Amino acid sequence: MTTIGVISDTHGLMRPEAVRLLTGVDLILHAGDIGSPDVISALQAIAPVTAIRGNNDRGGWGADYPEDIMLEVEGRTFYMLHDLKELTLDPCAAGFDAVVAGHSHKPNIDRRDGVLYLNPGSAGPRRFTLPIALATLEITDGELHPQIHEIDV
């Protein structure tokens, strides 16, 4: 079993509650709007990190991160981009098992055409009345088991 921590839209804020929820994961995916290189450093202290930049990570250090990325974990293929509305390919036809996106600050788990769509929500500053959240994703016997974790603040 492999456990992936999925976080997005930290906007420079690394909450201690998020650190506690991510402690023990094998890998962390950050789906953009990182906000500060300090967030990546804090996450790297927990587990290896794969991150992309979001619409607020422009210039300077943010330019070092790609806008999207494809990665494979335990034989499962993930595609990560910040804003799902900018998806320009068919994930099913491309052979992706999961699409990870942030941007909306709305946590969501959906499955369409055999593809998991996971938005962990925002673990950063609260936006409107949306929850503060992140996700974990367990890969057990090749199956993807996502879970949203709301953070009480």
N, C-alpha and C. Protein backbone atom coordinates (compact mmCIF):
# COMPACT_ATOMS: atom_id res chain seq x y z
N MET A 1 0.85 -1.18 0.00
CA MET A 1 0.00 0.00 0.00
C MET A 1 0.89 1.24 0.00
N THR A 2 0.50 2.21 -0.81
CA THR A 2 1.17 3.50 -0.87
C THR A 2 0.13 4.57 -0.55
N THR A 3 0.51 5.53 0.27
CA THR A 3 -0.38 6.63 0.59
C THR A 3 0.21 7.93 0.05
N ILE A 4 -0.61 8.63 -0.73
CA ILE A 4 -0.22 9.91 -1.31
C ILE A 4 -1.00 11.01 -0.61
N GLY A 5 -0.31 12.05 -0.18
CA GLY A 5 -0.97 13.23 0.33
C GLY A 5 -1.19 14.19 -0.83
N VAL A 6 -2.37 14.75 -0.92
CA VAL A 6 -2.70 15.66 -2.02
C VAL A 6 -3.16 16.98 -1.41
N ILE A 7 -2.47 18.06 -1.79
CA ILE A 7 -2.73 19.37 -1.21
C ILE A 7 -2.70 20.41 -2.33
N SER A 8 -3.40 21.50 -2.13
CA SER A 8 -3.43 22.55 -3.14
C SER A 8 -3.77 23.88 -2.49
N ASP A 9 -3.50 24.93 -3.23
CA ASP A 9 -3.94 26.27 -2.86
C ASP A 9 -3.56 26.63 -1.42
N THR A 10 -2.29 26.40 -1.09
CA THR A 10 -1.79 26.77 0.23
C THR A 10 -1.55 28.28 0.31
N HIS A 11 -1.29 28.91 -0.81
CA HIS A 11 -1.10 30.37 -0.86
C HIS A 11 -0.13 30.86 0.22
N GLY A 12 0.96 30.10 0.41
CA GLY A 12 2.00 30.50 1.35
C GLY A 12 1.77 30.10 2.79
N LEU A 13 0.65 29.44 3.09
CA LEU A 13 0.31 29.06 4.46
C LEU A 13 0.43 27.55 4.64
N MET A 14 1.34 27.13 5.50
CA MET A 14 1.47 25.71 5.82
C MET A 14 0.94 25.50 7.22
N ARG A 15 -0.30 25.05 7.30
CA ARG A 15 -0.97 24.87 8.58
C ARG A 15 -0.41 23.66 9.34
N PRO A 16 -0.22 23.79 10.66
CA PRO A 16 0.25 22.63 11.45
C PRO A 16 -0.71 21.44 11.33
N GLU A 17 -2.01 21.73 11.19
CA GLU A 17 -3.00 20.65 11.04
C GLU A 17 -2.76 19.87 9.74
N ALA A 18 -2.35 20.57 8.70
CA ALA A 18 -2.05 19.91 7.43
C ALA A 18 -0.81 19.04 7.57
N VAL A 19 0.19 19.55 8.27
CA VAL A 19 1.41 18.77 8.51
C VAL A 19 1.06 17.48 9.24
N ARG A 20 0.22 17.57 10.27
CA ARG A 20 -0.18 16.38 11.03
C ARG A 20 -0.90 15.37 10.14
N LEU A 21 -1.82 15.86 9.30
CA LEU A 21 -2.57 14.95 8.42
C LEU A 21 -1.68 14.28 7.37
N LEU A 22 -0.63 14.96 6.95
CA LEU A 22 0.25 14.42 5.91
C LEU A 22 1.38 13.57 6.46
N THR A 23 1.64 13.66 7.76
CA THR A 23 2.72 12.88 8.35
C THR A 23 2.48 11.39 8.13
N GLY A 24 3.49 10.73 7.57
CA GLY A 24 3.40 9.30 7.31
C GLY A 24 3.06 8.93 5.88
N VAL A 25 2.70 9.92 5.03
CA VAL A 25 2.43 9.59 3.64
C VAL A 25 3.75 9.28 2.93
N ASP A 26 3.65 8.59 1.80
CA ASP A 26 4.84 8.20 1.04
C ASP A 26 5.25 9.23 0.00
N LEU A 27 4.31 10.06 -0.42
CA LEU A 27 4.53 11.04 -1.49
C LEU A 27 3.51 12.14 -1.30
N ILE A 28 3.88 13.38 -1.67
CA ILE A 28 2.93 14.49 -1.60
C ILE A 28 2.83 15.12 -2.99
N LEU A 29 1.60 15.35 -3.43
CA LEU A 29 1.33 16.09 -4.66
C LEU A 29 0.77 17.44 -4.27
N HIS A 30 1.35 18.51 -4.82
CA HIS A 30 0.82 19.86 -4.58
C HIS A 30 0.31 20.38 -5.92
N ALA A 31 -1.00 20.64 -6.00
CA ALA A 31 -1.66 21.00 -7.25
C ALA A 31 -1.71 22.51 -7.51
N GLY A 32 -0.70 23.24 -7.06
CA GLY A 32 -0.54 24.64 -7.45
C GLY A 32 -1.10 25.66 -6.49
N ASP A 33 -0.76 26.93 -6.79
CA ASP A 33 -0.96 28.06 -5.89
C ASP A 33 -0.26 27.76 -4.56
N ILE A 34 1.02 27.46 -4.71
CA ILE A 34 1.90 27.14 -3.58
C ILE A 34 2.06 28.37 -2.70
N GLY A 35 2.41 29.49 -3.31
CA GLY A 35 2.50 30.76 -2.60
C GLY A 35 3.86 31.11 -2.03
N SER A 36 4.68 30.11 -1.73
CA SER A 36 5.99 30.38 -1.14
C SER A 36 6.84 29.12 -1.22
N PRO A 37 8.15 29.26 -1.48
CA PRO A 37 9.01 28.07 -1.46
C PRO A 37 9.08 27.44 -0.07
N ASP A 38 8.75 28.20 0.97
CA ASP A 38 8.74 27.65 2.33
C ASP A 38 7.72 26.52 2.48
N VAL A 39 6.62 26.60 1.73
CA VAL A 39 5.60 25.55 1.77
C VAL A 39 6.20 24.24 1.25
N ILE A 40 6.92 24.32 0.14
CA ILE A 40 7.55 23.12 -0.43
C ILE A 40 8.58 22.55 0.55
N SER A 41 9.37 23.41 1.17
CA SER A 41 10.37 22.94 2.15
C SER A 41 9.69 22.21 3.30
N ALA A 42 8.59 22.75 3.80
CA ALA A 42 7.86 22.11 4.89
C ALA A 42 7.31 20.75 4.46
N LEU A 43 6.81 20.67 3.24
CA LEU A 43 6.27 19.41 2.73
C LEU A 43 7.38 18.39 2.50
N GLN A 44 8.54 18.85 2.00
CA GLN A 44 9.67 17.94 1.77
C GLN A 44 10.21 17.35 3.06
N ALA A 45 9.97 18.01 4.18
CA ALA A 45 10.37 17.45 5.47
C ALA A 45 9.51 16.25 5.85
N ILE A 46 8.36 16.10 5.18
CA ILE A 46 7.42 15.01 5.45
C ILE A 46 7.65 13.85 4.49
N ALA A 47 7.74 14.16 3.18
CA ALA A 47 7.84 13.13 2.15
C ALA A 47 8.30 13.79 0.85
N PRO A 48 8.72 13.00 -0.14
CA PRO A 48 9.05 13.58 -1.45
C PRO A 48 7.84 14.32 -2.01
N VAL A 49 8.08 15.43 -2.72
CA VAL A 49 7.02 16.28 -3.23
C VAL A 49 7.12 16.42 -4.74
N THR A 50 5.98 16.30 -5.40
CA THR A 50 5.84 16.66 -6.80
C THR A 50 4.84 17.81 -6.82
N ALA A 51 5.26 18.94 -7.39
CA ALA A 51 4.40 20.13 -7.36
C ALA A 51 4.34 20.79 -8.73
N ILE A 52 3.23 21.46 -8.97
CA ILE A 52 3.07 22.28 -10.17
C ILE A 52 2.76 23.70 -9.73
N ARG A 53 2.90 24.63 -10.65
CA ARG A 53 2.57 26.01 -10.29
C ARG A 53 1.11 26.28 -10.64
N GLY A 54 0.55 27.20 -9.87
CA GLY A 54 -0.81 27.64 -10.13
C GLY A 54 -0.79 29.03 -10.71
N ASN A 55 -1.95 29.59 -10.93
CA ASN A 55 -2.06 30.91 -11.55
C ASN A 55 -1.46 32.02 -10.67
N ASN A 56 -1.27 31.77 -9.38
CA ASN A 56 -0.66 32.76 -8.49
C ASN A 56 0.82 32.52 -8.25
N ASP A 57 1.41 31.52 -8.89
CA ASP A 57 2.83 31.19 -8.71
C ASP A 57 3.65 31.65 -9.91
N ARG A 58 3.43 32.84 -10.38
CA ARG A 58 4.10 33.35 -11.57
C ARG A 58 5.39 34.07 -11.21
N GLY A 59 6.38 33.92 -12.09
CA GLY A 59 7.63 34.64 -11.91
C GLY A 59 8.46 34.10 -10.76
N GLY A 60 9.70 34.55 -10.68
CA GLY A 60 10.58 34.16 -9.58
C GLY A 60 10.65 32.66 -9.40
N TRP A 61 10.58 32.22 -8.16
CA TRP A 61 10.71 30.80 -7.83
C TRP A 61 9.61 29.96 -8.46
N GLY A 62 8.42 30.51 -8.65
CA GLY A 62 7.30 29.74 -9.21
C GLY A 62 7.54 29.27 -10.62
N ALA A 63 8.38 30.00 -11.36
CA ALA A 63 8.68 29.62 -12.74
C ALA A 63 9.43 28.30 -12.83
N ASP A 64 9.98 27.84 -11.71
CA ASP A 64 10.71 26.57 -11.70
C ASP A 64 9.78 25.36 -11.74
N TYR A 65 8.49 25.58 -11.53
CA TYR A 65 7.53 24.48 -11.48
C TYR A 65 6.75 24.41 -12.79
N PRO A 66 6.47 23.22 -13.29
CA PRO A 66 5.70 23.09 -14.53
C PRO A 66 4.23 23.43 -14.31
N GLU A 67 3.53 23.74 -15.40
CA GLU A 67 2.09 24.01 -15.31
C GLU A 67 1.28 22.73 -15.16
N ASP A 68 1.82 21.63 -15.64
CA ASP A 68 1.16 20.34 -15.49
C ASP A 68 2.24 19.27 -15.48
N ILE A 69 1.84 18.09 -15.07
CA ILE A 69 2.81 16.99 -15.00
C ILE A 69 2.07 15.66 -15.05
N MET A 70 2.74 14.66 -15.59
CA MET A 70 2.24 13.30 -15.58
C MET A 70 3.22 12.49 -14.74
N LEU A 71 2.71 11.65 -13.85
CA LEU A 71 3.59 10.79 -13.08
C LEU A 71 2.94 9.44 -12.87
N GLU A 72 3.77 8.46 -12.59
CA GLU A 72 3.29 7.11 -12.35
C GLU A 72 3.67 6.70 -10.94
N VAL A 73 2.70 6.16 -10.23
CA VAL A 73 2.92 5.66 -8.88
C VAL A 73 2.29 4.28 -8.81
N GLU A 74 3.08 3.28 -8.47
CA GLU A 74 2.61 1.90 -8.35
C GLU A 74 1.80 1.46 -9.57
N GLY A 75 2.26 1.81 -10.74
CA GLY A 75 1.60 1.39 -11.97
C GLY A 75 0.36 2.19 -12.33
N ARG A 76 0.03 3.19 -11.55
CA ARG A 76 -1.12 4.06 -11.83
C ARG A 76 -0.59 5.39 -12.36
N THR A 77 -1.26 5.91 -13.38
CA THR A 77 -0.81 7.13 -14.04
C THR A 77 -1.67 8.31 -13.62
N PHE A 78 -1.00 9.35 -13.15
CA PHE A 78 -1.66 10.57 -12.66
C PHE A 78 -1.32 11.73 -13.57
N TYR A 79 -2.30 12.59 -13.81
CA TYR A 79 -2.09 13.85 -14.53
C TYR A 79 -2.50 14.95 -13.58
N MET A 80 -1.60 15.92 -13.37
CA MET A 80 -1.89 17.00 -12.43
C MET A 80 -1.78 18.34 -13.14
N LEU A 81 -2.82 19.16 -12.97
CA LEU A 81 -2.84 20.53 -13.46
C LEU A 81 -3.57 21.36 -12.43
N HIS A 82 -3.40 22.67 -12.48
CA HIS A 82 -3.99 23.49 -11.43
C HIS A 82 -5.50 23.68 -11.61
N ASP A 83 -5.92 24.05 -12.80
CA ASP A 83 -7.32 24.39 -13.06
C ASP A 83 -7.92 23.36 -14.00
N LEU A 84 -8.86 22.58 -13.51
CA LEU A 84 -9.49 21.53 -14.32
C LEU A 84 -10.12 22.10 -15.59
N LYS A 85 -10.55 23.35 -15.55
CA LYS A 85 -11.15 23.97 -16.74
C LYS A 85 -10.15 24.13 -17.88
N GLU A 86 -8.86 24.00 -17.58
CA GLU A 86 -7.83 24.10 -18.61
C GLU A 86 -7.40 22.74 -19.15
N LEU A 87 -8.11 21.69 -18.79
CA LEU A 87 -7.81 20.36 -19.28
C LEU A 87 -8.10 20.30 -20.78
N THR A 88 -7.08 20.02 -21.57
CA THR A 88 -7.22 20.04 -23.03
C THR A 88 -7.11 18.66 -23.65
N LEU A 89 -7.10 17.63 -22.83
CA LEU A 89 -7.00 16.27 -23.37
C LEU A 89 -8.07 15.41 -22.75
N ASP A 90 -8.28 14.26 -23.32
CA ASP A 90 -9.23 13.29 -22.79
C ASP A 90 -8.45 12.33 -21.89
N PRO A 91 -8.60 12.43 -20.57
CA PRO A 91 -7.81 11.60 -19.67
C PRO A 91 -8.00 10.10 -19.90
N CYS A 92 -9.20 9.69 -20.24
CA CYS A 92 -9.47 8.28 -20.49
C CYS A 92 -8.69 7.81 -21.72
N ALA A 93 -8.80 8.56 -22.81
CA ALA A 93 -8.09 8.21 -24.04
C ALA A 93 -6.58 8.25 -23.85
N ALA A 94 -6.11 9.15 -22.97
CA ALA A 94 -4.68 9.27 -22.70
C ALA A 94 -4.17 8.17 -21.77
N GLY A 95 -5.09 7.40 -21.19
CA GLY A 95 -4.71 6.31 -20.32
C GLY A 95 -4.43 6.71 -18.88
N PHE A 96 -4.90 7.88 -18.47
CA PHE A 96 -4.69 8.32 -17.09
C PHE A 96 -5.68 7.63 -16.16
N ASP A 97 -5.19 7.26 -15.00
CA ASP A 97 -6.06 6.68 -13.98
C ASP A 97 -6.68 7.76 -13.11
N ALA A 98 -5.97 8.90 -12.98
CA ALA A 98 -6.47 9.96 -12.11
C ALA A 98 -6.02 11.32 -12.62
N VAL A 99 -6.88 12.31 -12.42
CA VAL A 99 -6.57 13.72 -12.70
C VAL A 99 -6.66 14.45 -11.36
N VAL A 100 -5.58 15.14 -11.01
CA VAL A 100 -5.52 15.91 -9.76
C VAL A 100 -5.48 17.38 -10.13
N ALA A 101 -6.38 18.17 -9.55
CA ALA A 101 -6.44 19.60 -9.83
C ALA A 101 -6.84 20.34 -8.57
N GLY A 102 -6.54 21.62 -8.53
CA GLY A 102 -6.92 22.48 -7.42
C GLY A 102 -7.74 23.64 -7.95
N HIS A 103 -7.33 24.86 -7.63
CA HIS A 103 -7.83 26.13 -8.12
C HIS A 103 -9.19 26.55 -7.58
N SER A 104 -10.17 25.69 -7.59
CA SER A 104 -11.53 26.08 -7.20
C SER A 104 -11.69 26.23 -5.68
N HIS A 105 -10.77 25.68 -4.92
CA HIS A 105 -10.84 25.63 -3.45
C HIS A 105 -11.97 24.73 -2.96
N LYS A 106 -12.63 24.01 -3.86
CA LYS A 106 -13.75 23.13 -3.50
C LYS A 106 -13.29 21.67 -3.53
N PRO A 107 -13.21 21.02 -2.37
CA PRO A 107 -12.82 19.62 -2.38
C PRO A 107 -13.85 18.78 -3.12
N ASN A 108 -13.33 17.83 -3.91
CA ASN A 108 -14.25 17.03 -4.72
C ASN A 108 -13.58 15.71 -5.13
N ILE A 109 -14.37 14.65 -5.09
CA ILE A 109 -13.97 13.35 -5.61
C ILE A 109 -15.03 12.95 -6.61
N ASP A 110 -14.60 12.62 -7.83
CA ASP A 110 -15.54 12.25 -8.88
C ASP A 110 -14.88 11.16 -9.72
N ARG A 111 -15.68 10.31 -10.30
CA ARG A 111 -15.17 9.29 -11.23
C ARG A 111 -16.00 9.37 -12.50
N ARG A 112 -15.30 9.53 -13.62
CA ARG A 112 -15.96 9.59 -14.92
C ARG A 112 -15.17 8.76 -15.92
N ASP A 113 -15.84 7.91 -16.65
CA ASP A 113 -15.21 7.08 -17.67
C ASP A 113 -14.01 6.31 -17.12
N GLY A 114 -14.12 5.85 -15.88
CA GLY A 114 -13.05 5.07 -15.28
C GLY A 114 -11.87 5.89 -14.77
N VAL A 115 -11.99 7.22 -14.80
CA VAL A 115 -10.91 8.11 -14.35
C VAL A 115 -11.34 8.79 -13.05
N LEU A 116 -10.45 8.79 -12.07
CA LEU A 116 -10.69 9.49 -10.82
C LEU A 116 -10.30 10.96 -11.01
N TYR A 117 -11.20 11.87 -10.62
CA TYR A 117 -10.92 13.30 -10.61
C TYR A 117 -10.89 13.72 -9.14
N LEU A 118 -9.75 14.24 -8.70
CA LEU A 118 -9.58 14.59 -7.29
C LEU A 118 -9.14 16.04 -7.15
N ASN A 119 -9.93 16.80 -6.42
CA ASN A 119 -9.57 18.15 -6.03
C ASN A 119 -9.51 18.14 -4.50
N PRO A 120 -8.32 18.36 -3.92
CA PRO A 120 -8.21 18.29 -2.46
C PRO A 120 -8.79 19.50 -1.74
N GLY A 121 -9.21 20.52 -2.48
CA GLY A 121 -9.66 21.75 -1.86
C GLY A 121 -8.47 22.63 -1.54
N SER A 122 -8.67 23.60 -0.70
CA SER A 122 -7.61 24.53 -0.32
C SER A 122 -7.20 24.30 1.12
N ALA A 123 -5.87 24.17 1.32
CA ALA A 123 -5.34 24.04 2.67
C ALA A 123 -4.81 25.37 3.17
N GLY A 124 -4.96 26.42 2.37
CA GLY A 124 -4.45 27.74 2.73
C GLY A 124 -5.51 28.60 3.38
N PRO A 125 -5.41 29.91 3.19
CA PRO A 125 -6.39 30.82 3.78
C PRO A 125 -7.81 30.51 3.30
N ARG A 126 -8.76 30.64 4.20
CA ARG A 126 -10.15 30.35 3.84
C ARG A 126 -10.64 31.32 2.77
N ARG A 127 -11.39 30.79 1.82
CA ARG A 127 -12.00 31.59 0.76
C ARG A 127 -13.51 31.46 0.89
N PHE A 128 -14.16 32.59 1.09
CA PHE A 128 -15.62 32.60 1.26
C PHE A 128 -16.00 31.66 2.40
N THR A 129 -16.95 30.76 2.17
CA THR A 129 -17.36 29.82 3.22
C THR A 129 -16.90 28.40 2.91
N LEU A 130 -15.95 28.26 1.97
CA LEU A 130 -15.48 26.94 1.58
C LEU A 130 -14.64 26.32 2.69
N PRO A 131 -14.68 24.99 2.80
CA PRO A 131 -13.89 24.33 3.86
C PRO A 131 -12.39 24.43 3.56
N ILE A 132 -11.61 24.29 4.60
CA ILE A 132 -10.16 24.14 4.47
C ILE A 132 -9.92 22.63 4.47
N ALA A 133 -9.22 22.15 3.45
CA ALA A 133 -9.13 20.69 3.30
C ALA A 133 -7.89 20.28 2.53
N LEU A 134 -7.61 19.00 2.62
CA LEU A 134 -6.62 18.32 1.79
C LEU A 134 -7.12 16.90 1.59
N ALA A 135 -6.38 16.11 0.85
CA ALA A 135 -6.83 14.73 0.59
C ALA A 135 -5.69 13.75 0.78
N THR A 136 -6.05 12.52 1.00
CA THR A 136 -5.10 11.42 0.91
C THR A 136 -5.65 10.45 -0.12
N LEU A 137 -4.73 9.72 -0.71
CA LEU A 137 -5.10 8.75 -1.74
C LEU A 137 -4.29 7.49 -1.49
N GLU A 138 -4.97 6.43 -1.13
CA GLU A 138 -4.28 5.16 -0.92
C GLU A 138 -4.37 4.33 -2.19
N ILE A 139 -3.25 3.72 -2.52
CA ILE A 139 -3.22 2.76 -3.62
C ILE A 139 -3.03 1.40 -2.98
N THR A 140 -4.07 0.59 -3.04
CA THR A 140 -4.06 -0.74 -2.44
C THR A 140 -4.44 -1.74 -3.52
N ASP A 141 -3.57 -2.69 -3.77
CA ASP A 141 -3.81 -3.71 -4.81
C ASP A 141 -4.21 -3.07 -6.13
N GLY A 142 -3.57 -1.95 -6.46
CA GLY A 142 -3.83 -1.26 -7.73
C GLY A 142 -5.06 -0.38 -7.74
N GLU A 143 -5.85 -0.41 -6.68
CA GLU A 143 -7.07 0.40 -6.61
C GLU A 143 -6.78 1.74 -5.93
N LEU A 144 -7.45 2.79 -6.41
CA LEU A 144 -7.29 4.13 -5.87
C LEU A 144 -8.41 4.43 -4.88
N HIS A 145 -8.03 4.80 -3.65
CA HIS A 145 -8.99 5.07 -2.59
C HIS A 145 -8.75 6.48 -2.05
N PRO A 146 -9.45 7.49 -2.60
CA PRO A 146 -9.26 8.86 -2.14
C PRO A 146 -10.13 9.20 -0.93
N GLN A 147 -9.65 10.14 -0.13
CA GLN A 147 -10.43 10.63 1.01
C GLN A 147 -10.12 12.10 1.23
N ILE A 148 -11.17 12.90 1.40
CA ILE A 148 -11.02 14.32 1.73
C ILE A 148 -10.95 14.46 3.25
N HIS A 149 -10.04 15.32 3.71
CA HIS A 149 -9.91 15.61 5.14
C HIS A 149 -10.13 17.09 5.36
N GLU A 150 -11.22 17.44 6.02
CA GLU A 150 -11.46 18.85 6.34
C GLU A 150 -10.67 19.21 7.58
N ILE A 151 -10.12 20.42 7.58
CA ILE A 151 -9.31 20.92 8.67
C ILE A 151 -10.14 21.94 9.46
N ASP A 152 -10.32 21.66 10.73
CA ASP A 152 -11.05 22.60 11.59
C ASP A 152 -10.08 23.67 12.08
N VAL A 153 -10.42 24.92 11.82
CA VAL A 153 -9.58 26.04 12.32
C VAL A 153 -10.47 27.07 12.98
